[in-house]
Amino acid sequence: MLVALLIFLVTLALVIRQPKGLGIGTAAWLGAGAALLAGTVSLTDIPTVWHIVWDATFTLIALILISLILDAAGFFEWSALHVARWAQGSGRALFVLIVLLGSVIAALFANDGAVLILTPLVVEMLRALRFSPPAMLAFVMAAGFVSDSASLPFKISNLVNIVAANYAGIGFADYAAVMGAVNLVAVAASLLVLAWYFRRDVPPAYDPAQLADPAGAIRDPFVFRAGWVVLPSLLVGYFLSQRWGVPTSLITGAGALVLMLAAGREHLLRRQPRAVIPVWTILREAPWQVVVFSLGMYLVVYGLGDHGLTAGLSHALEWLASYGLTAATLGTGFMMAALSALMNNMPAVLAGSLAVAHAQVDPTIREAMVYANIVGCDLGPKITPIGSLATLLWLHVLAQRGMTIGWGQYFRIGIVITLPVLLATLLALAGWLTFLR
């Protein structure tokens, strides 16, 4: 147990710090290699872990490809500029609309995609409007927070969702039937808490005339229009995937392929030497390291689970189950939120999924624990900067644009905002499951 824990902690430190530009995939595989040499995992565990993570990993990559292609076409800038005009010069209305826009992007393009898309758009928009530094902080914190807190409604909205739902055998439609309603509460609670916390920092008014014309943001009209066809088609495909038994990654990959072909059409037909959207560059720079990271990091966690973590969490879950569905839901959610904040939500969700599967509890309680594990691993990471890759990516995007948020400052804001939203969301989950049953 001590060896497995030490390997995990060193691996996590390498993933977070990335010394000398070490990629997250390389860091994870160094940890996996150490776990194999130390005997905390075996070669036979590799196909087991790969079976757990492959669909979620490739779904995330395909979603990010879709996001980057649509972003290059001007899809999201067009949307953001329209949102800013709808606010009609009211700073508070703009704050609400940015949060709602972020929740839609997170639901459809996953939390990582939302961070990549929304953060730079918000920063550039606020600079064009000449907002003060406190106002900038309020908006970027809101955008970063809602990217995770609103990533509950669909399996594809967060890598965590896919891993936990697939492990529990929950299809896309069944998942959405439960978490779609719960997500509405998460978004409403996020909006209320964010608006309260930043009430003094959001300016009452701004001049919308300083904003660019949304039509000018569209750089590839054909891909822009294709996006409006592909996105609803993907949702239909996701809901049908449960009936057909089709992996989520296959449907998402098909959508990504359609948009890549649309973006590279002129170049493929040799009408233009270069496409408007650099498809090959986007494809080359896609987060392929996530594939290696997922397998490597989950191997390390799998070894940690085999050497005591799974058993310890399972005993805790069984104790919570003795107090009924609501207590089990709240207890599981807060426990997994704390674990995510401390050890990152990617390894935490696998540890939670293994523990729920091994716990000797009533099937109804087990179902609540599966969903509570997801809620905790989606929202809990917002307490600390290391809680999720999306938050680390968000901090990196901000640093590239000259905005630095210290870890202490982040924690002071994150814990105050996260805890009430987490509580409201878990209570909604318990109530909704009771209603459905």
Protein backbone atom coordinates (compact mmCIF):
# COMPACT_ATOMS: atom_id res chain seq x y z
CA MET A 1 0.00 0.00 0.00
CA LEU A 2 2.79 2.44 0.93
CA VAL A 3 4.73 1.68 -2.27
CA ALA A 4 1.58 2.08 -4.42
CA LEU A 5 0.76 5.36 -2.65
CA LEU A 6 4.30 6.70 -3.10
CA ILE A 7 4.25 5.85 -6.82
CA PHE A 8 0.90 7.58 -7.21
CA LEU A 9 2.00 10.75 -5.39
CA VAL A 10 5.22 11.04 -7.40
CA THR A 11 3.32 10.43 -10.65
CA LEU A 12 0.71 13.05 -9.76
CA ALA A 13 3.45 15.55 -8.89
CA LEU A 14 5.09 14.96 -12.30
CA VAL A 15 1.74 15.37 -14.09
CA ILE A 16 1.00 18.65 -12.30
CA ARG A 17 4.45 20.22 -12.36
CA GLN A 18 5.58 18.85 -15.76
CA PRO A 19 9.30 19.49 -15.10
CA LYS A 20 11.33 20.48 -18.18
CA GLY A 21 8.24 20.25 -20.37
CA LEU A 22 7.54 16.62 -19.50
CA GLY A 23 4.20 15.67 -21.11
CA ILE A 24 1.36 14.41 -18.96
CA GLY A 25 1.32 11.15 -20.92
CA THR A 26 5.04 10.57 -20.40
CA ALA A 27 4.71 11.35 -16.69
CA ALA A 28 1.81 8.91 -16.33
CA TRP A 29 3.68 6.14 -18.11
CA LEU A 30 6.74 6.68 -15.95
CA GLY A 31 4.43 6.05 -13.00
CA ALA A 32 2.86 3.04 -14.71
CA GLY A 33 6.32 1.64 -15.44
CA ALA A 34 7.30 2.09 -11.79
CA ALA A 35 4.08 0.36 -10.71
CA LEU A 36 4.82 -2.59 -13.02
CA LEU A 37 8.39 -2.88 -11.76
CA ALA A 38 7.26 -2.62 -8.13
CA GLY A 39 4.57 -5.25 -8.68
CA THR A 40 1.62 -3.07 -7.63
CA VAL A 41 0.10 -3.79 -11.07
CA SER A 42 0.75 -6.56 -13.57
CA LEU A 43 0.79 -6.80 -17.36
CA THR A 44 -2.60 -8.51 -17.23
CA ASP A 45 -4.07 -5.33 -15.70
CA ILE A 46 -3.29 -3.29 -18.85
CA PRO A 47 -6.15 -4.68 -21.02
CA THR A 48 -8.52 -4.41 -18.03
CA VAL A 49 -7.75 -0.72 -17.55
CA TRP A 50 -7.75 -0.04 -21.30
CA HIS A 51 -11.25 -1.52 -21.51
CA ILE A 52 -12.35 1.02 -18.88
CA VAL A 53 -10.79 4.15 -20.40
CA TRP A 54 -10.58 3.81 -24.18
CA ASP A 55 -14.09 5.01 -25.06
CA ALA A 56 -13.92 8.02 -22.74
CA THR A 57 -10.45 8.98 -23.93
CA PHE A 58 -11.19 8.93 -27.65
CA THR A 59 -14.54 10.67 -27.10
CA LEU A 60 -12.76 13.55 -25.38
CA ILE A 61 -10.20 13.88 -28.18
CA ALA A 62 -12.92 13.88 -30.84
CA LEU A 63 -14.89 16.51 -28.92
CA ILE A 64 -11.84 18.73 -28.63
CA LEU A 65 -11.20 18.35 -32.37
CA ILE A 66 -14.81 19.40 -33.06
CA SER A 67 -14.40 22.33 -30.68
CA LEU A 68 -11.15 23.54 -32.25
CA ILE A 69 -12.51 23.28 -35.80
CA LEU A 70 -15.69 25.19 -34.96
CA ASP A 71 -13.65 27.73 -33.01
CA ALA A 72 -11.40 28.28 -36.04
CA ALA A 73 -14.53 28.78 -38.15
CA GLY A 74 -15.69 31.54 -35.78
CA PHE A 75 -18.60 29.57 -34.33
CA PHE A 76 -17.95 30.44 -30.68
CA GLU A 77 -16.79 34.02 -31.21
CA TRP A 78 -20.00 34.65 -33.15
CA SER A 79 -21.99 33.17 -30.26
CA ALA A 80 -20.14 35.18 -27.61
CA LEU A 81 -20.59 38.45 -29.48
CA HIS A 82 -24.31 37.81 -29.85
CA VAL A 83 -24.52 37.06 -26.11
CA ALA A 84 -22.74 40.34 -25.33
CA ARG A 85 -25.22 42.23 -27.52
CA TRP A 86 -28.20 40.51 -25.91
CA ALA A 87 -27.09 41.90 -22.56
CA GLN A 88 -27.75 45.42 -23.98
CA GLY A 89 -25.03 47.11 -21.96
CA SER A 90 -25.92 45.57 -18.58
CA GLY A 91 -22.87 44.09 -16.83
CA ARG A 92 -24.97 41.86 -14.62
CA ALA A 93 -26.96 40.53 -17.59
CA LEU A 94 -23.68 39.86 -19.41
CA PHE A 95 -22.41 37.92 -16.39
CA VAL A 96 -25.54 35.74 -16.36
CA LEU A 97 -25.40 35.14 -20.11
CA ILE A 98 -21.69 34.21 -20.03
CA VAL A 99 -22.42 31.63 -17.34
CA LEU A 100 -25.32 30.22 -19.38
CA LEU A 101 -23.23 30.18 -22.56
CA GLY A 102 -20.50 28.35 -20.66
CA SER A 103 -22.99 25.78 -19.40
CA VAL A 104 -24.18 25.04 -22.95
CA ILE A 105 -20.61 24.74 -24.27
CA ALA A 106 -19.62 22.46 -21.37
CA ALA A 107 -22.65 20.23 -21.95
CA LEU A 108 -21.97 19.77 -25.66
CA PHE A 109 -18.17 20.01 -25.90
CA ALA A 110 -17.03 18.70 -22.49
CA ASN A 111 -15.42 20.72 -19.72
CA ASP A 112 -11.98 20.68 -21.33
CA GLY A 113 -13.40 21.94 -24.60
CA ALA A 114 -15.31 24.67 -22.75
CA VAL A 115 -12.13 25.85 -21.05
CA LEU A 116 -10.23 25.97 -24.34
CA ILE A 117 -13.04 27.84 -26.08
CA LEU A 118 -14.68 30.12 -23.53
CA THR A 119 -11.70 31.38 -21.52
CA PRO A 120 -9.81 33.18 -24.32
CA LEU A 121 -13.08 34.54 -25.73
CA VAL A 122 -14.09 36.02 -22.37
CA VAL A 123 -10.65 37.52 -21.76
CA GLU A 124 -10.50 39.21 -25.18
CA MET A 125 -14.09 40.42 -24.95
CA LEU A 126 -13.57 41.99 -21.53
CA ARG A 127 -10.37 43.67 -22.66
CA ALA A 128 -12.23 45.15 -25.62
CA LEU A 129 -14.84 46.45 -23.16
CA ARG A 130 -12.05 47.77 -20.86
CA PHE A 131 -13.28 46.02 -17.75
CA SER A 132 -11.32 46.48 -14.52
CA PRO A 133 -9.05 43.68 -13.16
CA PRO A 134 -11.59 42.69 -10.44
CA ALA A 135 -14.32 42.47 -13.10
CA MET A 136 -12.01 40.41 -15.33
CA LEU A 137 -11.36 38.02 -12.43
CA ALA A 138 -15.10 37.67 -11.75
CA PHE A 139 -15.90 36.74 -15.34
CA VAL A 140 -12.96 34.36 -15.90
CA MET A 141 -13.61 32.61 -12.57
CA ALA A 142 -17.26 32.21 -13.55
CA ALA A 143 -16.29 30.83 -16.97
CA GLY A 144 -13.80 28.39 -15.43
CA PHE A 145 -16.17 27.26 -12.70
CA VAL A 146 -19.20 26.64 -14.89
CA SER A 147 -17.07 24.63 -17.34
CA ASP A 148 -16.94 21.92 -14.67
CA SER A 149 -20.10 22.51 -12.65
CA ALA A 150 -22.28 22.36 -15.78
CA SER A 151 -20.57 19.27 -17.22
CA LEU A 152 -23.13 16.85 -15.78
CA PRO A 153 -26.04 16.48 -18.24
CA PHE A 154 -24.61 14.06 -20.81
CA LYS A 155 -22.05 11.29 -20.71
CA ILE A 156 -19.92 13.24 -23.19
CA SER A 157 -19.92 16.41 -21.05
CA ASN A 158 -16.95 15.24 -18.99
CA LEU A 159 -14.37 12.47 -19.29
CA VAL A 160 -15.30 11.55 -15.71
CA ASN A 161 -18.92 10.94 -16.73
CA ILE A 162 -17.99 8.49 -19.48
CA VAL A 163 -15.61 6.48 -17.31
CA ALA A 164 -18.05 6.13 -14.40
CA ALA A 165 -21.16 5.55 -16.54
CA ASN A 166 -19.46 3.00 -18.80
CA TYR A 167 -18.05 1.11 -15.82
CA ALA A 168 -21.53 0.94 -14.28
CA GLY A 169 -23.12 -0.03 -17.62
CA ILE A 170 -25.29 3.10 -17.91
CA GLY A 171 -26.35 4.06 -21.43
CA PHE A 172 -26.47 7.60 -22.79
CA ALA A 173 -30.27 8.00 -22.61
CA ASP A 174 -30.56 6.53 -19.11
CA TYR A 175 -27.74 8.74 -17.91
CA ALA A 176 -29.30 11.88 -19.41
CA ALA A 177 -32.69 11.04 -17.87
CA VAL A 178 -31.14 11.32 -14.42
CA MET A 179 -28.40 13.91 -14.79
CA GLY A 180 -30.14 16.26 -17.21
CA ALA A 181 -32.49 17.47 -14.49
CA VAL A 182 -29.75 17.48 -11.86
CA ASN A 183 -27.59 19.64 -14.13
CA LEU A 184 -30.30 22.33 -14.22
CA VAL A 185 -29.99 22.63 -10.44
CA ALA A 186 -26.17 22.69 -10.71
CA VAL A 187 -26.29 25.54 -13.24
CA ALA A 188 -28.87 27.51 -11.24
CA ALA A 189 -26.90 27.06 -8.00
CA SER A 190 -23.65 28.01 -9.77
CA LEU A 191 -25.24 31.15 -11.16
CA LEU A 192 -26.66 32.19 -7.79
CA VAL A 193 -23.44 31.57 -5.86
CA LEU A 194 -21.22 33.21 -8.50
CA ALA A 195 -23.51 36.25 -8.75
CA TRP A 196 -23.50 36.60 -4.96
CA TYR A 197 -19.76 36.17 -4.55
CA PHE A 198 -18.80 38.62 -7.32
CA ARG A 199 -21.70 41.03 -6.81
CA ARG A 200 -19.36 43.97 -6.06
CA ASP A 201 -16.97 43.26 -8.92
CA VAL A 202 -19.35 42.98 -11.88
CA PRO A 203 -19.79 46.46 -13.44
CA PRO A 204 -23.37 47.70 -13.72
CA ALA A 205 -22.97 48.82 -17.33
CA TYR A 206 -20.72 48.78 -20.40
CA ASP A 207 -20.80 50.21 -23.91
CA PRO A 208 -21.88 47.50 -26.41
CA ALA A 209 -20.78 49.74 -29.28
CA GLN A 210 -17.20 48.71 -28.50
CA LEU A 211 -17.97 45.15 -29.60
CA ALA A 212 -17.29 43.87 -33.09
CA ASP A 213 -20.05 42.81 -35.48
CA PRO A 214 -20.82 39.08 -34.90
CA ALA A 215 -21.07 38.47 -38.65
CA GLY A 216 -17.41 39.46 -39.00
CA ALA A 217 -16.37 36.67 -36.66
CA ILE A 218 -17.34 33.95 -39.15
CA ARG A 219 -14.15 32.88 -40.94
CA ASP A 220 -15.49 29.82 -42.79
CA PRO A 221 -19.24 30.10 -43.51
CA PHE A 222 -19.48 26.53 -44.84
CA VAL A 223 -18.04 24.97 -41.67
CA PHE A 224 -20.07 27.41 -39.56
CA ARG A 225 -23.28 26.16 -41.17
CA ALA A 226 -22.10 22.55 -41.00
CA GLY A 227 -21.69 22.95 -37.24
CA TRP A 228 -25.40 23.65 -36.86
CA VAL A 229 -26.12 20.34 -38.62
CA VAL A 230 -23.45 18.21 -36.95
CA LEU A 231 -24.22 19.19 -33.36
CA PRO A 232 -27.91 18.14 -33.27
CA SER A 233 -27.01 15.06 -35.32
CA LEU A 234 -24.49 14.10 -32.65
CA LEU A 235 -27.09 14.42 -29.91
CA VAL A 236 -29.51 12.21 -31.83
CA GLY A 237 -26.73 9.69 -32.39
CA TYR A 238 -25.81 9.68 -28.71
CA PHE A 239 -29.37 8.88 -27.66
CA LEU A 240 -29.62 6.13 -30.28
CA SER A 241 -26.25 4.69 -29.25
CA GLN A 242 -27.77 3.06 -26.17
CA ARG A 243 -30.28 1.14 -28.30
CA TRP A 244 -27.73 0.22 -30.95
CA GLY A 245 -24.87 -0.54 -28.57
CA VAL A 246 -22.54 1.84 -30.40
CA PRO A 247 -19.59 3.34 -28.47
CA THR A 248 -19.84 7.06 -27.79
CA SER A 249 -16.37 7.62 -29.27
CA LEU A 250 -17.48 6.20 -32.64
CA ILE A 251 -20.33 8.70 -32.94
CA THR A 252 -18.19 11.61 -31.77
CA GLY A 253 -15.38 10.55 -34.09
CA ALA A 254 -17.79 10.51 -37.04
CA GLY A 255 -18.84 14.09 -36.22
CA ALA A 256 -15.21 15.16 -35.99
CA LEU A 257 -14.45 13.51 -39.35
CA VAL A 258 -17.35 15.29 -41.07
CA LEU A 259 -16.17 18.67 -39.81
CA MET A 260 -12.54 17.94 -40.74
CA LEU A 261 -13.61 17.07 -44.28
CA ALA A 262 -15.78 20.20 -44.44
CA ALA A 263 -12.90 22.36 -43.21
CA GLY A 264 -10.39 20.85 -45.66
CA ARG A 265 -12.72 20.63 -48.64
CA GLU A 266 -11.02 23.31 -50.75
CA HIS A 267 -7.57 21.89 -50.09
CA LEU A 268 -8.69 18.30 -50.77
CA LEU A 269 -10.26 19.37 -54.08
CA ARG A 270 -7.02 21.27 -54.86
CA ARG A 271 -8.92 24.51 -55.39
CA GLN A 272 -6.77 26.26 -52.80
CA PRO A 273 -3.20 25.45 -51.73
CA ARG A 274 -4.18 26.07 -48.10
CA ALA A 275 -7.51 25.68 -46.31
CA VAL A 276 -9.02 28.51 -44.28
CA ILE A 277 -8.95 26.24 -41.24
CA PRO A 278 -5.58 24.49 -40.68
CA VAL A 279 -7.02 20.99 -40.28
CA TRP A 280 -3.70 19.16 -40.23
CA THR A 281 -2.31 21.55 -37.66
CA ILE A 282 -5.38 21.08 -35.46
CA LEU A 283 -5.16 17.30 -35.87
CA ARG A 284 -1.44 17.27 -35.11
CA GLU A 285 -1.85 19.45 -32.03
CA ALA A 286 -4.84 17.54 -30.63
CA PRO A 287 -4.28 16.30 -27.07
CA TRP A 288 -3.08 12.83 -28.04
CA GLN A 289 -1.12 12.69 -24.80
CA VAL A 290 -4.47 12.24 -23.07
CA VAL A 291 -4.64 8.69 -24.51
CA VAL A 292 -1.31 7.77 -22.96
CA PHE A 293 -2.14 9.69 -19.79
CA SER A 294 -5.46 7.91 -19.29
CA LEU A 295 -3.99 4.42 -19.56
CA GLY A 296 -0.85 5.22 -17.54
CA MET A 297 -2.52 7.16 -14.74
CA TYR A 298 -5.37 4.72 -14.40
CA LEU A 299 -2.89 1.84 -14.17
CA VAL A 300 -1.21 3.59 -11.24
CA VAL A 301 -4.59 4.14 -9.55
CA TYR A 302 -5.67 0.58 -10.30
CA GLY A 303 -2.61 -0.63 -8.41
CA LEU A 304 -3.38 1.71 -5.54
CA GLY A 305 -6.93 0.38 -5.46
CA ASP A 306 -5.77 -3.23 -5.37
CA HIS A 307 -3.59 -2.47 -2.36
CA GLY A 308 -6.18 -1.01 -0.01
CA LEU A 309 -7.81 2.10 -1.48
CA THR A 310 -10.78 0.28 -3.01
CA ALA A 311 -11.43 -1.72 0.15
CA GLY A 312 -11.21 1.36 2.37
CA LEU A 313 -13.59 3.37 0.18
CA SER A 314 -15.98 0.42 -0.08
CA HIS A 315 -16.21 0.10 3.71
CA ALA A 316 -16.94 3.83 3.97
CA LEU A 317 -19.67 3.51 1.32
CA GLU A 318 -21.27 0.57 3.10
CA TRP A 319 -21.36 2.59 6.32
CA LEU A 320 -23.00 5.51 4.48
CA ALA A 321 -25.55 3.16 2.90
CA SER A 322 -26.81 2.17 6.33
CA TYR A 323 -28.24 5.70 6.76
CA GLY A 324 -30.41 5.64 3.63
CA LEU A 325 -30.35 6.99 0.09
CA THR A 326 -30.00 10.71 0.87
CA ALA A 327 -27.16 10.20 3.34
CA ALA A 328 -25.43 7.81 0.94
CA THR A 329 -25.75 10.30 -1.92
CA LEU A 330 -24.44 13.24 0.11
CA GLY A 331 -21.69 11.23 1.77
CA THR A 332 -20.46 9.65 -1.46
CA GLY A 333 -20.53 12.97 -3.30
CA PHE A 334 -18.59 14.90 -0.67
CA MET A 335 -16.12 12.06 -0.14
CA MET A 336 -15.34 11.85 -3.86
CA ALA A 337 -15.23 15.65 -4.12
CA ALA A 338 -12.55 15.74 -1.42
CA LEU A 339 -10.65 12.92 -3.09
CA SER A 340 -10.82 14.72 -6.46
CA ALA A 341 -9.59 17.98 -4.96
CA LEU A 342 -6.64 16.21 -3.37
CA MET A 343 -5.64 13.66 -6.01
CA ASN A 344 -7.23 14.97 -9.26
CA ASN A 345 -10.62 13.81 -10.51
CA MET A 346 -9.28 11.50 -13.24
CA PRO A 347 -7.79 8.96 -10.81
CA ALA A 348 -10.50 9.71 -8.22
CA VAL A 349 -13.38 8.66 -10.48
CA LEU A 350 -11.80 5.28 -11.19
CA ALA A 351 -11.15 4.75 -7.48
CA GLY A 352 -14.77 5.68 -6.75
CA SER A 353 -16.15 3.46 -9.51
CA LEU A 354 -14.17 0.44 -8.26
CA ALA A 355 -15.29 1.12 -4.68
CA VAL A 356 -18.97 1.45 -5.59
CA ALA A 357 -18.80 -1.79 -7.59
CA HIS A 358 -17.23 -3.67 -4.66
CA ALA A 359 -19.46 -2.23 -1.92
CA GLN A 360 -22.14 -4.57 -0.57
CA VAL A 361 -25.14 -2.24 -0.80
CA ASP A 362 -28.71 -2.25 -2.07
CA PRO A 363 -28.98 -1.77 -5.89
CA THR A 364 -30.95 1.47 -5.44
CA ILE A 365 -28.27 2.85 -3.12
CA ARG A 366 -25.56 1.67 -5.54
CA GLU A 367 -27.18 3.61 -8.39
CA ALA A 368 -27.27 6.76 -6.24
CA MET A 369 -23.60 6.25 -5.37
CA VAL A 370 -22.63 5.89 -9.04
CA TYR A 371 -24.20 9.25 -9.86
CA ALA A 372 -22.94 10.87 -6.64
CA ASN A 373 -19.43 9.73 -7.57
CA ILE A 374 -19.82 11.60 -10.87
CA VAL A 375 -21.17 14.75 -9.21
CA GLY A 376 -18.36 14.76 -6.66
CA CYS A 377 -15.69 14.22 -9.32
CA ASP A 378 -17.19 16.91 -11.60
CA LEU A 379 -17.63 19.63 -8.95
CA GLY A 380 -15.10 18.73 -6.26
CA PRO A 381 -12.07 19.55 -8.45
CA LYS A 382 -13.03 23.24 -8.36
CA ILE A 383 -11.87 23.43 -4.73
CA THR A 384 -8.18 23.23 -5.65
CA PRO A 385 -6.15 24.12 -8.75
CA ILE A 386 -4.93 20.50 -9.12
CA GLY A 387 -8.43 19.02 -9.01
CA SER A 388 -8.83 18.55 -12.76
CA LEU A 389 -6.90 18.82 -15.99
CA ALA A 390 -9.50 21.35 -17.12
CA THR A 391 -8.55 23.69 -14.25
CA LEU A 392 -4.83 23.29 -14.94
CA LEU A 393 -5.52 24.00 -18.61
CA TRP A 394 -7.64 27.02 -17.64
CA LEU A 395 -4.80 28.44 -15.54
CA HIS A 396 -2.38 27.87 -18.42
CA VAL A 397 -4.67 29.66 -20.91
CA LEU A 398 -4.98 32.62 -18.51
CA ALA A 399 -1.21 32.78 -17.99
CA GLN A 400 -0.71 32.92 -21.76
CA ARG A 401 -2.91 36.02 -21.77
CA GLY A 402 -1.13 37.75 -18.90
CA MET A 403 -3.55 36.81 -16.11
CA THR A 404 -2.06 34.99 -13.14
CA ILE A 405 -4.20 33.53 -10.37
CA GLY A 406 -2.24 32.24 -7.39
CA TRP A 407 -3.07 28.86 -5.90
CA GLY A 408 -3.92 30.41 -2.54
CA GLN A 409 -6.24 32.95 -4.16
CA TYR A 410 -7.85 30.21 -6.22
CA PHE A 411 -8.43 27.99 -3.17
CA ARG A 412 -10.02 30.82 -1.16
CA ILE A 413 -12.50 31.47 -3.95
CA GLY A 414 -12.93 27.86 -5.05
CA ILE A 415 -13.93 26.38 -1.70
CA VAL A 416 -16.50 29.11 -0.95
CA ILE A 417 -18.12 28.73 -4.36
CA THR A 418 -17.94 24.96 -4.70
CA LEU A 419 -19.35 23.68 -1.41
CA PRO A 420 -22.87 25.21 -1.62
CA VAL A 421 -23.19 24.25 -5.29
CA LEU A 422 -22.07 20.70 -4.52
CA LEU A 423 -24.57 20.44 -1.66
CA ALA A 424 -27.48 21.73 -3.75
CA THR A 425 -26.61 19.40 -6.65
CA LEU A 426 -26.34 16.30 -4.45
CA LEU A 427 -29.63 17.10 -2.73
CA ALA A 428 -31.23 17.49 -6.15
CA LEU A 429 -29.77 14.13 -7.21
CA ALA A 430 -31.16 12.35 -4.14
CA GLY A 431 -34.56 13.96 -4.58
CA TRP A 432 -34.73 13.23 -8.32
CA LEU A 433 -33.72 9.58 -7.87
CA THR A 434 -36.37 9.19 -5.16
CA PHE A 435 -38.95 10.72 -7.50
CA LEU A 436 -37.95 8.48 -10.43
CA ARG A 437 -38.18 5.36 -8.30
